[in-house]
Amino acid sequence: MIARPIHHRAVGITVDSIGNVYVTDSFSPVIYKIDTKGKPSIFLESYKFIGNGINSNSIVYHPDGYLIIIKKSDGALFKVPLDNPKDFSEIQSNSKFIGGDGLILVDKENLIVVANRASGITTETVFSLATDDSWQSAKVTDKVKFGDVYLTTGVIRKNMIYVIHSNINALVQAPHEQKSKLKHLAKIQQVGSVQR
């Protein structure tokens, strides 16, 4: 059993083909499962999800029967089979996605990673990834770099890729007495399109 911290932060959520829900915890090395009857359980727990600050973050369900998860602190991507979660593996890539905060599964072979910052490194980039081996490995096929905006997540709508940013880092870093005075509007911005 891995000692878990007192604080928890459920952040990433996805649903499989039969309605089971999977949730990441950024402050604990655990992925939770909530079955179709609403019963929660620990789906996977691993030392590989431990790191500095925020760790397991966004999660997506792949229709071939596994989850893809990003670890924000070091930018690692993991493939977790639903039928044998302990047999999970790191997806090998020609890049790390430090600050990975959002995942969008475009189709079976293409994934969008939205990264902001972590571990003292500012990424602020939207990456397009592709695989030809069922996510044992992936390569970056395109990327869009942003300025100091703190990207969080994204979505595909009518074949257009949109991301959201709101300088939430300013809110997080501000002293308590200054938080209510901050006035940052979130922006939704188109960054590209997908070919179907």
C-alpha atoms as a PDB file:
ATOM      1  CA  MET A   1       0.000   0.000   0.000  1.00  0.00           C
ATOM      2  CA  ILE A   2       1.319   3.425  -0.967  1.00  0.00           C
ATOM      3  CA  ALA A   3       1.048   6.183   1.639  1.00  0.00           C
ATOM      4  CA  ARG A   4      -1.320   8.799   0.248  1.00  0.00           C
ATOM      5  CA  PRO A   5      -1.309  12.504   1.100  1.00  0.00           C
ATOM      6  CA  ILE A   6      -4.069  14.137   3.123  1.00  0.00           C
ATOM      7  CA  HIS A   7      -5.077  16.394   0.240  1.00  0.00           C
ATOM      8  CA  HIS A   8      -6.856  15.127  -2.838  1.00  0.00           C
ATOM      9  CA  ARG A   9      -7.787  16.749  -6.121  1.00  0.00           C
ATOM     10  CA  ALA A  10     -10.069  14.837  -8.466  1.00  0.00           C
ATOM     11  CA  VAL A  11      -9.375  16.492 -11.795  1.00  0.00           C
ATOM     12  CA  GLY A  12      -9.550  14.231 -14.839  1.00  0.00           C
ATOM     13  CA  ILE A  13     -12.625  12.215 -15.732  1.00  0.00           C
ATOM     14  CA  THR A  14     -13.608   9.900 -18.576  1.00  0.00           C
ATOM     15  CA  VAL A  15     -16.263   7.270 -19.288  1.00  0.00           C
ATOM     16  CA  ASP A  16     -15.771   3.919 -21.001  1.00  0.00           C
ATOM     17  CA  SER A  17     -18.077   2.304 -23.553  1.00  0.00           C
ATOM     18  CA  ILE A  18     -20.373   0.735 -20.942  1.00  0.00           C
ATOM     19  CA  GLY A  19     -20.607   3.692 -18.583  1.00  0.00           C
ATOM     20  CA  ASN A  20     -17.877   3.099 -16.006  1.00  0.00           C
ATOM     21  CA  VAL A  21     -16.258   6.359 -14.880  1.00  0.00           C
ATOM     22  CA  TYR A  22     -12.512   6.814 -14.266  1.00  0.00           C
ATOM     23  CA  VAL A  23     -11.109   9.717 -12.253  1.00  0.00           C
ATOM     24  CA  THR A  24      -7.529  10.890 -11.679  1.00  0.00           C
ATOM     25  CA  ASP A  25      -6.293  12.406  -8.423  1.00  0.00           C
ATOM     26  CA  SER A  26      -3.578  15.019  -8.935  1.00  0.00           C
ATOM     27  CA  PHE A  27      -2.287  14.769  -5.362  1.00  0.00           C
ATOM     28  CA  SER A  28      -2.515  11.016  -4.859  1.00  0.00           C
ATOM     29  CA  PRO A  29      -1.054   8.258  -7.085  1.00  0.00           C
ATOM     30  CA  VAL A  30      -4.457   6.696  -7.680  1.00  0.00           C
ATOM     31  CA  ILE A  31      -6.987   6.303 -10.480  1.00  0.00           C
ATOM     32  CA  TYR A  32     -10.499   5.686  -9.204  1.00  0.00           C
ATOM     33  CA  LYS A  33     -13.278   3.761 -10.905  1.00  0.00           C
ATOM     34  CA  ILE A  34     -16.987   4.314 -10.379  1.00  0.00           C
ATOM     35  CA  ASP A  35     -18.986   1.472 -11.874  1.00  0.00           C
ATOM     36  CA  THR A  36     -22.377   1.704 -13.538  1.00  0.00           C
ATOM     37  CA  LYS A  37     -24.110   1.141 -10.196  1.00  0.00           C
ATOM     38  CA  GLY A  38     -22.238   4.066  -8.619  1.00  0.00           C
ATOM     39  CA  LYS A  39     -19.827   1.943  -6.588  1.00  0.00           C
ATOM     40  CA  PRO A  40     -16.357   3.555  -6.256  1.00  0.00           C
ATOM     41  CA  SER A  41     -13.086   1.639  -6.051  1.00  0.00           C
ATOM     42  CA  ILE A  42      -9.366   2.117  -6.579  1.00  0.00           C
ATOM     43  CA  PHE A  43      -8.725   1.086 -10.174  1.00  0.00           C
ATOM     44  CA  LEU A  44      -4.942   1.586 -10.153  1.00  0.00           C
ATOM     45  CA  GLU A  45      -2.352   2.815  -7.667  1.00  0.00           C
ATOM     46  CA  SER A  46       1.309   3.258  -8.588  1.00  0.00           C
ATOM     47  CA  TYR A  47       4.525   4.946  -7.494  1.00  0.00           C
ATOM     48  CA  LYS A  48       4.904   6.064 -11.123  1.00  0.00           C
ATOM     49  CA  PHE A  49       2.151   8.612 -10.544  1.00  0.00           C
ATOM     50  CA  ILE A  50       4.089  10.311  -7.719  1.00  0.00           C
ATOM     51  CA  GLY A  51       5.999  13.538  -8.386  1.00  0.00           C
ATOM     52  CA  ASN A  52       6.334  17.163  -7.395  1.00  0.00           C
ATOM     53  CA  GLY A  53       3.146  19.222  -7.261  1.00  0.00           C
ATOM     54  CA  ILE A  54       0.304  18.170  -9.552  1.00  0.00           C
ATOM     55  CA  ASN A  55       0.696  14.730 -11.097  1.00  0.00           C
ATOM     56  CA  SER A  56      -1.965  12.497 -12.705  1.00  0.00           C
ATOM     57  CA  ASN A  57      -4.150  14.939 -14.553  1.00  0.00           C
ATOM     58  CA  SER A  58      -6.170  14.544 -17.737  1.00  0.00           C
ATOM     59  CA  ILE A  59      -7.500  11.154 -18.781  1.00  0.00           C
ATOM     60  CA  VAL A  60      -9.249   9.857 -21.917  1.00  0.00           C
ATOM     61  CA  TYR A  61     -10.866   6.547 -22.802  1.00  0.00           C
ATOM     62  CA  HIS A  62      -9.660   4.847 -25.993  1.00  0.00           C
ATOM     63  CA  PRO A  63     -12.285   2.690 -27.769  1.00  0.00           C
ATOM     64  CA  ASP A  64      -9.821  -0.201 -28.043  1.00  0.00           C
ATOM     65  CA  GLY A  65     -10.146  -0.746 -24.289  1.00  0.00           C
ATOM     66  CA  TYR A  66      -7.616   1.365 -22.459  1.00  0.00           C
ATOM     67  CA  LEU A  67      -7.078   4.742 -20.844  1.00  0.00           C
ATOM     68  CA  ILE A  68      -4.481   7.367 -21.725  1.00  0.00           C
ATOM     69  CA  ILE A  69      -3.331   9.551 -18.834  1.00  0.00           C
ATOM     70  CA  ILE A  70      -0.928  12.465 -18.606  1.00  0.00           C
ATOM     71  CA  LYS A  71       1.261  13.203 -15.586  1.00  0.00           C
ATOM     72  CA  LYS A  72       1.565  16.975 -15.354  1.00  0.00           C
ATOM     73  CA  SER A  73       4.753  17.205 -13.279  1.00  0.00           C
ATOM     74  CA  ASP A  74       7.036  15.453 -15.769  1.00  0.00           C
ATOM     75  CA  GLY A  75       4.923  15.284 -18.937  1.00  0.00           C
ATOM     76  CA  ALA A  76       4.762  11.494 -19.170  1.00  0.00           C
ATOM     77  CA  LEU A  77       1.876   9.768 -20.944  1.00  0.00           C
ATOM     78  CA  PHE A  78       0.603   6.366 -19.777  1.00  0.00           C
ATOM     79  CA  LYS A  79      -1.490   3.667 -21.428  1.00  0.00           C
ATOM     80  CA  VAL A  80      -3.643   1.714 -18.949  1.00  0.00           C
ATOM     81  CA  PRO A  81      -5.505  -1.397 -20.173  1.00  0.00           C
ATOM     82  CA  LEU A  82      -8.981  -1.699 -18.663  1.00  0.00           C
ATOM     83  CA  ASP A  83      -8.779  -5.486 -18.389  1.00  0.00           C
ATOM     84  CA  ASN A  84      -5.394  -5.454 -16.596  1.00  0.00           C
ATOM     85  CA  PRO A  85      -4.581  -1.991 -15.221  1.00  0.00           C
ATOM     86  CA  LYS A  86      -1.424  -3.137 -13.398  1.00  0.00           C
ATOM     87  CA  ASP A  87       0.050  -3.893 -16.820  1.00  0.00           C
ATOM     88  CA  PHE A  88       0.107  -0.184 -17.688  1.00  0.00           C
ATOM     89  CA  SER A  89       3.072   1.323 -19.533  1.00  0.00           C
ATOM     90  CA  GLU A  90       4.566   4.689 -20.330  1.00  0.00           C
ATOM     91  CA  ILE A  91       3.953   5.779 -23.917  1.00  0.00           C
ATOM     92  CA  GLN A  92       7.334   6.371 -25.499  1.00  0.00           C
ATOM     93  CA  SER A  93       7.619   9.712 -27.262  1.00  0.00           C
ATOM     94  CA  ASN A  94      10.100  12.059 -28.891  1.00  0.00           C
ATOM     95  CA  SER A  95       8.972  14.763 -26.458  1.00  0.00           C
ATOM     96  CA  LYS A  96       7.832  15.307 -22.867  1.00  0.00           C
ATOM     97  CA  PHE A  97       4.702  17.357 -22.221  1.00  0.00           C
ATOM     98  CA  ILE A  98       5.545  19.057 -18.935  1.00  0.00           C
ATOM     99  CA  GLY A  99       2.500  20.869 -17.634  1.00  0.00           C
ATOM    100  CA  GLY A 100       0.149  18.499 -19.480  1.00  0.00           C
ATOM    101  CA  ASP A 101      -3.320  19.597 -18.394  1.00  0.00           C
ATOM    102  CA  GLY A 102      -5.730  18.506 -21.122  1.00  0.00           C
ATOM    103  CA  LEU A 103      -6.098  15.534 -23.487  1.00  0.00           C
ATOM    104  CA  ILE A 104      -8.379  15.304 -26.511  1.00  0.00           C
ATOM    105  CA  LEU A 105      -8.628  11.982 -28.347  1.00  0.00           C
ATOM    106  CA  VAL A 106      -9.186  12.932 -31.984  1.00  0.00           C
ATOM    107  CA  ASP A 107      -9.465   9.360 -33.257  1.00  0.00           C
ATOM    108  CA  LYS A 108      -7.766   6.044 -32.539  1.00  0.00           C
ATOM    109  CA  GLU A 109      -4.371   7.209 -33.800  1.00  0.00           C
ATOM    110  CA  ASN A 110      -4.338  10.937 -32.958  1.00  0.00           C
ATOM    111  CA  LEU A 111      -4.284  12.805 -29.664  1.00  0.00           C
ATOM    112  CA  ILE A 112      -4.094  16.477 -28.663  1.00  0.00           C
ATOM    113  CA  VAL A 113      -2.119  17.413 -25.528  1.00  0.00           C
ATOM    114  CA  VAL A 114      -2.700  20.830 -23.935  1.00  0.00           C
ATOM    115  CA  ALA A 115       0.237  21.790 -21.694  1.00  0.00           C
ATOM    116  CA  ASN A 116       0.804  24.813 -19.468  1.00  0.00           C
ATOM    117  CA  ARG A 117       3.581  24.705 -16.849  1.00  0.00           C
ATOM    118  CA  ALA A 118       4.992  22.565 -14.053  1.00  0.00           C
ATOM    119  CA  SER A 119       8.245  21.833 -12.248  1.00  0.00           C
ATOM    120  CA  GLY A 120       9.554  25.318 -13.027  1.00  0.00           C
ATOM    121  CA  ILE A 121       9.155  24.826 -16.783  1.00  0.00           C
ATOM    122  CA  THR A 122       6.743  26.866 -18.916  1.00  0.00           C
ATOM    123  CA  THR A 123       5.436  24.939 -21.920  1.00  0.00           C
ATOM    124  CA  GLU A 124       2.182  26.757 -22.920  1.00  0.00           C
ATOM    125  CA  THR A 125       1.823  24.637 -26.050  1.00  0.00           C
ATOM    126  CA  VAL A 126      -0.838  22.562 -27.791  1.00  0.00           C
ATOM    127  CA  PHE A 127       0.716  19.382 -29.227  1.00  0.00           C
ATOM    128  CA  SER A 128      -0.697  17.078 -31.880  1.00  0.00           C
ATOM    129  CA  LEU A 129       0.452  13.463 -31.451  1.00  0.00           C
ATOM    130  CA  ALA A 130       0.122  10.410 -33.648  1.00  0.00           C
ATOM    131  CA  THR A 131       0.774   6.707 -33.140  1.00  0.00           C
ATOM    132  CA  ASP A 132       1.190   3.742 -35.459  1.00  0.00           C
ATOM    133  CA  ASP A 133       1.499   1.067 -32.750  1.00  0.00           C
ATOM    134  CA  SER A 134      -1.651   1.453 -30.616  1.00  0.00           C
ATOM    135  CA  TRP A 135      -0.077   4.017 -28.264  1.00  0.00           C
ATOM    136  CA  GLN A 136       2.979   2.060 -27.286  1.00  0.00           C
ATOM    137  CA  SER A 137       4.728   5.100 -28.696  1.00  0.00           C
ATOM    138  CA  ALA A 138       3.774   8.480 -30.124  1.00  0.00           C
ATOM    139  CA  LYS A 139       5.388  11.266 -32.091  1.00  0.00           C
ATOM    140  CA  VAL A 140       4.650  14.974 -32.227  1.00  0.00           C
ATOM    141  CA  THR A 141       3.224  15.890 -35.622  1.00  0.00           C
ATOM    142  CA  ASP A 142       2.454  19.555 -34.947  1.00  0.00           C
ATOM    143  CA  LYS A 143       2.422  22.119 -32.154  1.00  0.00           C
ATOM    144  CA  VAL A 144       1.108  25.609 -31.456  1.00  0.00           C
ATOM    145  CA  LYS A 145       3.037  27.685 -28.925  1.00  0.00           C
ATOM    146  CA  PHE A 146       1.246  30.278 -26.774  1.00  0.00           C
ATOM    147  CA  GLY A 147       2.510  33.108 -24.599  1.00  0.00           C
ATOM    148  CA  ASP A 148       1.891  33.579 -20.881  1.00  0.00           C
ATOM    149  CA  VAL A 149      -1.766  32.470 -20.839  1.00  0.00           C
ATOM    150  CA  TYR A 150      -1.987  29.235 -18.780  1.00  0.00           C
ATOM    151  CA  LEU A 151      -3.731  26.813 -21.127  1.00  0.00           C
ATOM    152  CA  THR A 152      -5.948  24.283 -19.402  1.00  0.00           C
ATOM    153  CA  THR A 153      -7.955  22.052 -21.695  1.00  0.00           C
ATOM    154  CA  GLY A 154      -9.631  21.825 -25.071  1.00  0.00           C
ATOM    155  CA  VAL A 155     -12.376  20.325 -27.165  1.00  0.00           C
ATOM    156  CA  ILE A 156     -13.208  19.466 -30.768  1.00  0.00           C
ATOM    157  CA  ARG A 157     -16.364  21.003 -32.218  1.00  0.00           C
ATOM    158  CA  LYS A 158     -17.337  20.522 -35.865  1.00  0.00           C
ATOM    159  CA  ASN A 159     -13.766  19.417 -36.684  1.00  0.00           C
ATOM    160  CA  MET A 160     -12.281  22.551 -35.126  1.00  0.00           C
ATOM    161  CA  ILE A 161      -9.908  22.325 -32.142  1.00  0.00           C
ATOM    162  CA  TYR A 162     -10.487  24.881 -29.388  1.00  0.00           C
ATOM    163  CA  VAL A 163      -8.499  25.485 -26.199  1.00  0.00           C
ATOM    164  CA  ILE A 164      -9.266  27.548 -23.127  1.00  0.00           C
ATOM    165  CA  HIS A 165      -6.927  29.809 -21.177  1.00  0.00           C
ATOM    166  CA  SER A 166      -7.570  32.251 -18.363  1.00  0.00           C
ATOM    167  CA  ASN A 167      -4.319  33.121 -16.545  1.00  0.00           C
ATOM    168  CA  ILE A 168      -5.524  30.951 -13.672  1.00  0.00           C
ATOM    169  CA  ASN A 169      -1.926  30.865 -12.458  1.00  0.00           C
ATOM    170  CA  ALA A 170      -2.288  34.511 -11.402  1.00  0.00           C
ATOM    171  CA  LEU A 171      -5.239  33.540  -9.231  1.00  0.00           C
ATOM    172  CA  VAL A 172      -3.426  30.581  -7.691  1.00  0.00           C
ATOM    173  CA  GLN A 173      -0.294  32.602  -6.906  1.00  0.00           C
ATOM    174  CA  ALA A 174      -2.035  35.734  -5.591  1.00  0.00           C
ATOM    175  CA  PRO A 175      -2.145  36.343  -1.836  1.00  0.00           C
ATOM    176  CA  HIS A 176      -5.509  35.429  -0.305  1.00  0.00           C
ATOM    177  CA  GLU A 177      -6.562  39.050   0.196  1.00  0.00           C
ATOM    178  CA  GLN A 178      -5.902  39.847  -3.497  1.00  0.00           C
ATOM    179  CA  LYS A 179      -7.792  36.923  -5.062  1.00  0.00           C
ATOM    180  CA  SER A 180     -11.211  38.620  -5.088  1.00  0.00           C
ATOM    181  CA  LYS A 181      -9.749  41.638  -6.917  1.00  0.00           C
ATOM    182  CA  LEU A 182      -8.430  39.698  -9.905  1.00  0.00           C
ATOM    183  CA  LYS A 183     -10.487  40.050 -13.072  1.00  0.00           C
ATOM    184  CA  HIS A 184      -9.240  37.633 -15.722  1.00  0.00           C
ATOM    185  CA  LEU A 185     -11.692  36.524 -18.376  1.00  0.00           C
ATOM    186  CA  ALA A 186     -11.301  33.046 -19.773  1.00  0.00           C
ATOM    187  CA  LYS A 187     -10.766  32.860 -23.525  1.00  0.00           C
ATOM    188  CA  ILE A 188     -11.708  30.078 -25.883  1.00  0.00           C
ATOM    189  CA  GLN A 189      -9.456  30.083 -28.923  1.00  0.00           C
ATOM    190  CA  GLN A 190      -9.401  28.017 -32.087  1.00  0.00           C
ATOM    191  CA  VAL A 191      -5.985  26.473 -32.696  1.00  0.00           C
ATOM    192  CA  GLY A 192      -6.550  24.230 -35.663  1.00  0.00           C
ATOM    193  CA  SER A 193      -8.740  21.650 -37.312  1.00  0.00           C
ATOM    194  CA  VAL A 194      -8.856  17.900 -37.722  1.00  0.00           C
ATOM    195  CA  GLN A 195      -9.226  15.930 -40.911  1.00  0.00           C
ATOM    196  CA  ARG A 196     -11.809  13.172 -40.695  1.00  0.00           C
END
